[in-house]
Amino acid sequence: MRSERAVSFRASEAEVAQEALTDLTGRFGQSTPDEADVIVALGGDGFMLDTLKDVQPLDKPVYGM
């Protein structure tokens, strides 16, 4: 059994989101949405809404940053 949660990060094209993606995947790794326990959307409200729509069939928690 895994002791850490698998995370799938998604980032908008904004520079700050891309920098956060690089930092966070370096710290926590990157899983595909299918393999992940949680999905993290890095971007604005519109990006969060797009992410929610895209991953809705997976029925996984999505957190926005």
PDB file of N, CA and C in Angstrom:
ATOM      1  N   MET A   1       0.840  -1.188   0.000  1.00  0.00           N
ATOM      2  CA  MET A   1       0.000   0.000   0.000  1.00  0.00           C
ATOM      3  C   MET A   1       0.882   1.247   0.000  1.00  0.00           C
ATOM      4  N   ARG A   2       0.520   2.223  -0.817  1.00  0.00           N
ATOM      5  CA  ARG A   2       1.277   3.473  -0.895  1.00  0.00           C
ATOM      6  C   ARG A   2       1.070   4.297   0.366  1.00  0.00           C
ATOM      7  N   SER A   3       2.147   4.940   0.810  1.00  0.00           N
ATOM      8  CA  SER A   3       2.016   5.820   1.976  1.00  0.00           C
ATOM      9  C   SER A   3       1.691   7.251   1.558  1.00  0.00           C
ATOM     10  N   GLU A   4       1.987   7.593   0.294  1.00  0.00           N
ATOM     11  CA  GLU A   4       1.698   8.933  -0.205  1.00  0.00           C
ATOM     12  C   GLU A   4       0.622   8.851  -1.271  1.00  0.00           C
ATOM     13  N   ARG A   5      -0.106   9.925  -1.419  1.00  0.00           N
ATOM     14  CA  ARG A   5      -1.129   9.984  -2.464  1.00  0.00           C
ATOM     15  C   ARG A   5      -0.481  10.309  -3.802  1.00  0.00           C
ATOM     16  N   ALA A   6      -0.978   9.668  -4.843  1.00  0.00           N
ATOM     17  CA  ALA A   6      -0.531   9.980  -6.196  1.00  0.00           C
ATOM     18  C   ALA A   6      -1.281  11.222  -6.669  1.00  0.00           C
ATOM     19  N   VAL A   7      -0.545  12.159  -7.254  1.00  0.00           N
ATOM     20  CA  VAL A   7      -1.125  13.435  -7.665  1.00  0.00           C
ATOM     21  C   VAL A   7      -0.910  13.640  -9.159  1.00  0.00           C
ATOM     22  N   SER A   8      -1.947  14.141  -9.812  1.00  0.00           N
ATOM     23  CA  SER A   8      -1.841  14.569 -11.201  1.00  0.00           C
ATOM     24  C   SER A   8      -1.973  16.083 -11.218  1.00  0.00           C
ATOM     25  N   PHE A   9      -0.915  16.753 -11.650  1.00  0.00           N
ATOM     26  CA  PHE A   9      -0.923  18.208 -11.749  1.00  0.00           C
ATOM     27  C   PHE A   9      -1.257  18.609 -13.179  1.00  0.00           C
ATOM     28  N   ARG A  10      -2.102  19.628 -13.314  1.00  0.00           N
ATOM     29  CA  ARG A  10      -2.418  20.230 -14.616  1.00  0.00           C
ATOM     30  C   ARG A  10      -2.180  21.717 -14.473  1.00  0.00           C
ATOM     31  N   ALA A  11      -1.572  22.326 -15.487  1.00  0.00           N
ATOM     32  CA  ALA A  11      -1.244  23.750 -15.390  1.00  0.00           C
ATOM     33  C   ALA A  11      -1.680  24.501 -16.632  1.00  0.00           C
ATOM     34  N   SER A  12      -2.150  25.720 -16.409  1.00  0.00           N
ATOM     35  CA  SER A  12      -2.459  26.606 -17.527  1.00  0.00           C
ATOM     36  C   SER A  12      -1.144  27.038 -18.175  1.00  0.00           C
ATOM     37  N   GLU A  13      -1.236  27.792 -19.251  1.00  0.00           N
ATOM     38  CA  GLU A  13      -0.040  28.255 -19.949  1.00  0.00           C
ATOM     39  C   GLU A  13       0.613  29.463 -19.277  1.00  0.00           C
ATOM     40  N   ALA A  14      -0.018  30.006 -18.248  1.00  0.00           N
ATOM     41  CA  ALA A  14       0.548  31.164 -17.543  1.00  0.00           C
ATOM     42  C   ALA A  14       1.919  30.810 -16.960  1.00  0.00           C
ATOM     43  N   GLU A  15       2.833  31.760 -17.034  1.00  0.00           N
ATOM     44  CA  GLU A  15       4.203  31.518 -16.564  1.00  0.00           C
ATOM     45  C   GLU A  15       4.239  31.057 -15.111  1.00  0.00           C
ATOM     46  N   VAL A  16       3.474  31.699 -14.254  1.00  0.00           N
ATOM     47  CA  VAL A  16       3.478  31.333 -12.834  1.00  0.00           C
ATOM     48  C   VAL A  16       2.941  29.914 -12.634  1.00  0.00           C
ATOM     49  N   ALA A  17       1.959  29.513 -13.414  1.00  0.00           N
ATOM     50  CA  ALA A  17       1.422  28.154 -13.317  1.00  0.00           C
ATOM     51  C   ALA A  17       2.450  27.137 -13.797  1.00  0.00           C
ATOM     52  N   GLN A  18       3.166  27.454 -14.863  1.00  0.00           N
ATOM     53  CA  GLN A  18       4.196  26.553 -15.381  1.00  0.00           C
ATOM     54  C   GLN A  18       5.360  26.415 -14.394  1.00  0.00           C
ATOM     55  N   GLU A  19       5.721  27.509 -13.732  1.00  0.00           N
ATOM     56  CA  GLU A  19       6.770  27.450 -12.711  1.00  0.00           C
ATOM     57  C   GLU A  19       6.330  26.583 -11.536  1.00  0.00           C
ATOM     58  N   ALA A  20       5.085  26.742 -11.122  1.00  0.00           N
ATOM     59  CA  ALA A  20       4.553  25.927 -10.027  1.00  0.00           C
ATOM     60  C   ALA A  20       4.517  24.457 -10.429  1.00  0.00           C
ATOM     61  N   LEU A  21       4.150  24.177 -11.672  1.00  0.00           N
ATOM     62  CA  LEU A  21       4.118  22.796 -12.168  1.00  0.00           C
ATOM     63  C   LEU A  21       5.502  22.161 -12.069  1.00  0.00           C
ATOM     64  N   THR A  22       6.513  22.878 -12.505  1.00  0.00           N
ATOM     65  CA  THR A  22       7.882  22.361 -12.437  1.00  0.00           C
ATOM     66  C   THR A  22       8.290  22.087 -10.998  1.00  0.00           C
ATOM     67  N   ASP A  23       8.005  23.021 -10.107  1.00  0.00           N
ATOM     68  CA  ASP A  23       8.358  22.866  -8.697  1.00  0.00           C
ATOM     69  C   ASP A  23       7.607  21.697  -8.056  1.00  0.00           C
ATOM     70  N   LEU A  24       6.309  21.653  -8.247  1.00  0.00           N
ATOM     71  CA  LEU A  24       5.491  20.635  -7.577  1.00  0.00           C
ATOM     72  C   LEU A  24       5.747  19.229  -8.108  1.00  0.00           C
ATOM     73  N   THR A  25       5.922  19.088  -9.412  1.00  0.00           N
ATOM     74  CA  THR A  25       6.211  17.750  -9.942  1.00  0.00           C
ATOM     75  C   THR A  25       7.604  17.294  -9.512  1.00  0.00           C
ATOM     76  N   GLY A  26       8.521  18.237  -9.329  1.00  0.00           N
ATOM     77  CA  GLY A  26       9.836  17.880  -8.811  1.00  0.00           C
ATOM     78  C   GLY A  26       9.773  17.384  -7.375  1.00  0.00           C
ATOM     79  N   ARG A  27       8.879  17.948  -6.608  1.00  0.00           N
ATOM     80  CA  ARG A  27       8.729  17.554  -5.196  1.00  0.00           C
ATOM     81  C   ARG A  27       7.897  16.290  -5.013  1.00  0.00           C
ATOM     82  N   PHE A  28       6.793  16.193  -5.759  1.00  0.00           N
ATOM     83  CA  PHE A  28       5.812  15.149  -5.491  1.00  0.00           C
ATOM     84  C   PHE A  28       5.641  14.136  -6.616  1.00  0.00           C
ATOM     85  N   GLY A  29       6.305  14.342  -7.739  1.00  0.00           N
ATOM     86  CA  GLY A  29       6.130  13.450  -8.881  1.00  0.00           C
ATOM     87  C   GLY A  29       4.874  13.806  -9.654  1.00  0.00           C
ATOM     88  N   GLN A  30       4.646  13.052 -10.718  1.00  0.00           N
ATOM     89  CA  GLN A  30       3.492  13.311 -11.579  1.00  0.00           C
ATOM     90  C   GLN A  30       2.853  11.981 -11.946  1.00  0.00           C
ATOM     91  N   SER A  31       1.565  11.870 -11.738  1.00  0.00           N
ATOM     92  CA  SER A  31       0.797  10.694 -12.128  1.00  0.00           C
ATOM     93  C   SER A  31      -0.187  11.084 -13.213  1.00  0.00           C
ATOM     94  N   THR A  32      -0.618  10.112 -13.983  1.00  0.00           N
ATOM     95  CA  THR A  32      -1.677  10.381 -14.950  1.00  0.00           C
ATOM     96  C   THR A  32      -2.976  10.579 -14.181  1.00  0.00           C
ATOM     97  N   PRO A  33      -3.938  11.277 -14.756  1.00  0.00           N
ATOM     98  CA  PRO A  33      -5.217  11.440 -14.061  1.00  0.00           C
ATOM     99  C   PRO A  33      -5.867  10.100 -13.690  1.00  0.00           C
ATOM    100  N   ASP A  34      -5.719   9.094 -14.540  1.00  0.00           N
ATOM    101  CA  ASP A  34      -6.304   7.780 -14.238  1.00  0.00           C
ATOM    102  C   ASP A  34      -5.668   7.127 -13.017  1.00  0.00           C
ATOM    103  N   GLU A  35      -4.360   7.302 -12.844  1.00  0.00           N
ATOM    104  CA  GLU A  35      -3.631   6.683 -11.731  1.00  0.00           C
ATOM    105  C   GLU A  35      -3.697   7.495 -10.446  1.00  0.00           C
ATOM    106  N   ALA A  36      -3.988   8.776 -10.560  1.00  0.00           N
ATOM    107  CA  ALA A  36      -3.905   9.693  -9.423  1.00  0.00           C
ATOM    108  C   ALA A  36      -5.030   9.485  -8.414  1.00  0.00           C
ATOM    109  N   ASP A  37      -4.709   9.815  -7.169  1.00  0.00           N
ATOM    110  CA  ASP A  37      -5.725   9.865  -6.115  1.00  0.00           C
ATOM    111  C   ASP A  37      -6.412  11.224  -6.112  1.00  0.00           C
ATOM    112  N   VAL A  38      -5.653  12.265  -6.460  1.00  0.00           N
ATOM    113  CA  VAL A  38      -6.172  13.632  -6.518  1.00  0.00           C
ATOM    114  C   VAL A  38      -5.601  14.334  -7.746  1.00  0.00           C
ATOM    115  N   ILE A  39      -6.311  15.359  -8.195  1.00  0.00           N
ATOM    116  CA  ILE A  39      -5.881  16.163  -9.332  1.00  0.00           C
ATOM    117  C   ILE A  39      -5.768  17.602  -8.854  1.00  0.00           C
ATOM    118  N   VAL A  40      -4.668  18.255  -9.215  1.00  0.00           N
ATOM    119  CA  VAL A  40      -4.441  19.643  -8.826  1.00  0.00           C
ATOM    120  C   VAL A  40      -4.379  20.491 -10.087  1.00  0.00           C
ATOM    121  N   ALA A  41      -5.244  21.502 -10.148  1.00  0.00           N
ATOM    122  CA  ALA A  41      -5.285  22.426 -11.279  1.00  0.00           C
ATOM    123  C   ALA A  41      -4.558  23.707 -10.889  1.00  0.00           C
ATOM    124  N   LEU A  42      -3.539  24.049 -11.665  1.00  0.00           N
ATOM    125  CA  LEU A  42      -2.732  25.242 -11.406  1.00  0.00           C
ATOM    126  C   LEU A  42      -3.084  26.293 -12.447  1.00  0.00           C
ATOM    127  N   GLY A  43      -3.845  27.285 -12.049  1.00  0.00           N
ATOM    128  CA  GLY A  43      -4.257  28.323 -12.987  1.00  0.00           C
ATOM    129  C   GLY A  43      -5.424  29.104 -12.426  1.00  0.00           C
ATOM    130  N   GLY A  44      -6.089  29.805 -13.294  1.00  0.00           N
ATOM    131  CA  GLY A  44      -7.208  30.638 -12.882  1.00  0.00           C
ATOM    132  C   GLY A  44      -8.527  29.890 -12.839  1.00  0.00           C
ATOM    133  N   ASP A  45      -9.596  30.643 -12.598  1.00  0.00           N
ATOM    134  CA  ASP A  45     -10.930  30.053 -12.479  1.00  0.00           C
ATOM    135  C   ASP A  45     -11.351  29.316 -13.743  1.00  0.00           C
ATOM    136  N   GLY A  46     -11.088  29.904 -14.899  1.00  0.00           N
ATOM    137  CA  GLY A  46     -11.457  29.264 -16.156  1.00  0.00           C
ATOM    138  C   GLY A  46     -10.731  27.952 -16.356  1.00  0.00           C
ATOM    139  N   PHE A  47      -9.443  27.921 -15.991  1.00  0.00           N
ATOM    140  CA  PHE A  47      -8.674  26.682 -16.112  1.00  0.00           C
ATOM    141  C   PHE A  47      -9.220  25.630 -15.156  1.00  0.00           C
ATOM    142  N   MET A  48      -9.591  26.050 -13.959  1.00  0.00           N
ATOM    143  CA  MET A  48     -10.178  25.124 -12.984  1.00  0.00           C
ATOM    144  C   MET A  48     -11.470  24.532 -13.535  1.00  0.00           C
ATOM    145  N   LEU A  49     -12.322  25.357 -14.108  1.00  0.00           N
ATOM    146  CA  LEU A  49     -13.583  24.859 -14.667  1.00  0.00           C
ATOM    147  C   LEU A  49     -13.333  23.886 -15.814  1.00  0.00           C
ATOM    148  N   ASP A  50     -12.363  24.198 -16.675  1.00  0.00           N
ATOM    149  CA  ASP A  50     -12.017  23.285 -17.769  1.00  0.00           C
ATOM    150  C   ASP A  50     -11.512  21.952 -17.226  1.00  0.00           C
ATOM    151  N   THR A  51     -10.682  22.011 -16.191  1.00  0.00           N
ATOM    152  CA  THR A  51     -10.153  20.791 -15.585  1.00  0.00           C
ATOM    153  C   THR A  51     -11.279  19.959 -14.983  1.00  0.00           C
ATOM    154  N   LEU A  52     -12.187  20.606 -14.263  1.00  0.00           N
ATOM    155  CA  LEU A  52     -13.319  19.884 -13.673  1.00  0.00           C
ATOM    156  C   LEU A  52     -14.130  19.169 -14.745  1.00  0.00           C
ATOM    157  N   LYS A  53     -14.380  19.844 -15.851  1.00  0.00           N
ATOM    158  CA  LYS A  53     -15.138  19.243 -16.948  1.00  0.00           C
ATOM    159  C   LYS A  53     -14.374  18.061 -17.544  1.00  0.00           C
ATOM    160  N   ASP A  54     -13.065  18.225 -17.748  1.00  0.00           N
ATOM    161  CA  ASP A  54     -12.252  17.179 -18.376  1.00  0.00           C
ATOM    162  C   ASP A  54     -12.143  15.917 -17.533  1.00  0.00           C
ATOM    163  N   VAL A  55     -12.048  16.063 -16.225  1.00  0.00           N
ATOM    164  CA  VAL A  55     -11.804  14.891 -15.368  1.00  0.00           C
ATOM    165  C   VAL A  55     -13.052  14.408 -14.633  1.00  0.00           C
ATOM    166  N   GLN A  56     -14.181  15.015 -14.881  1.00  0.00           N
ATOM    167  CA  GLN A  56     -15.417  14.623 -14.198  1.00  0.00           C
ATOM    168  C   GLN A  56     -15.694  13.118 -14.270  1.00  0.00           C
ATOM    169  N   PRO A  57     -15.505  12.465 -15.421  1.00  0.00           N
ATOM    170  CA  PRO A  57     -15.785  11.025 -15.471  1.00  0.00           C
ATOM    171  C   PRO A  57     -14.916  10.186 -14.530  1.00  0.00           C
ATOM    172  N   LEU A  58     -13.788  10.720 -14.085  1.00  0.00           N
ATOM    173  CA  LEU A  58     -12.896   9.964 -13.211  1.00  0.00           C
ATOM    174  C   LEU A  58     -13.370   9.943 -11.766  1.00  0.00           C
ATOM    175  N   ASP A  59     -14.270  10.857 -11.400  1.00  0.00           N
ATOM    176  CA  ASP A  59     -14.817  10.927 -10.042  1.00  0.00           C
ATOM    177  C   ASP A  59     -13.711  10.996  -8.982  1.00  0.00           C
ATOM    178  N   LYS A  60     -12.792  11.945  -9.184  1.00  0.00           N
ATOM    179  CA  LYS A  60     -11.690  12.139  -8.242  1.00  0.00           C
ATOM    180  C   LYS A  60     -11.718  13.574  -7.731  1.00  0.00           C
ATOM    181  N   PRO A  61     -11.198  13.803  -6.524  1.00  0.00           N
ATOM    182  CA  PRO A  61     -11.171  15.175  -6.013  1.00  0.00           C
ATOM    183  C   PRO A  61     -10.221  16.038  -6.834  1.00  0.00           C
ATOM    184  N   VAL A  62     -10.629  17.288  -7.041  1.00  0.00           N
ATOM    185  CA  VAL A  62      -9.821  18.257  -7.783  1.00  0.00           C
ATOM    186  C   VAL A  62      -9.618  19.470  -6.884  1.00  0.00           C
ATOM    187  N   TYR A  63      -8.369  19.880  -6.741  1.00  0.00           N
ATOM    188  CA  TYR A  63      -8.021  21.046  -5.938  1.00  0.00           C
ATOM    189  C   TYR A  63      -7.441  22.115  -6.850  1.00  0.00           C
ATOM    190  N   GLY A  64      -7.807  23.348  -6.625  1.00  0.00           N
ATOM    191  CA  GLY A  64      -7.293  24.451  -7.422  1.00  0.00           C
ATOM    192  C   GLY A  64      -6.265  25.258  -6.659  1.00  0.00           C
ATOM    193  N   MET A  65      -5.241  25.672  -7.364  1.00  0.00           N
ATOM    194  CA  MET A  65      -4.198  26.535  -6.776  1.00  0.00           C
ATOM    195  C   MET A  65      -3.938  27.669  -7.736  1.00  0.00           C
TER     196      MET A  65
END
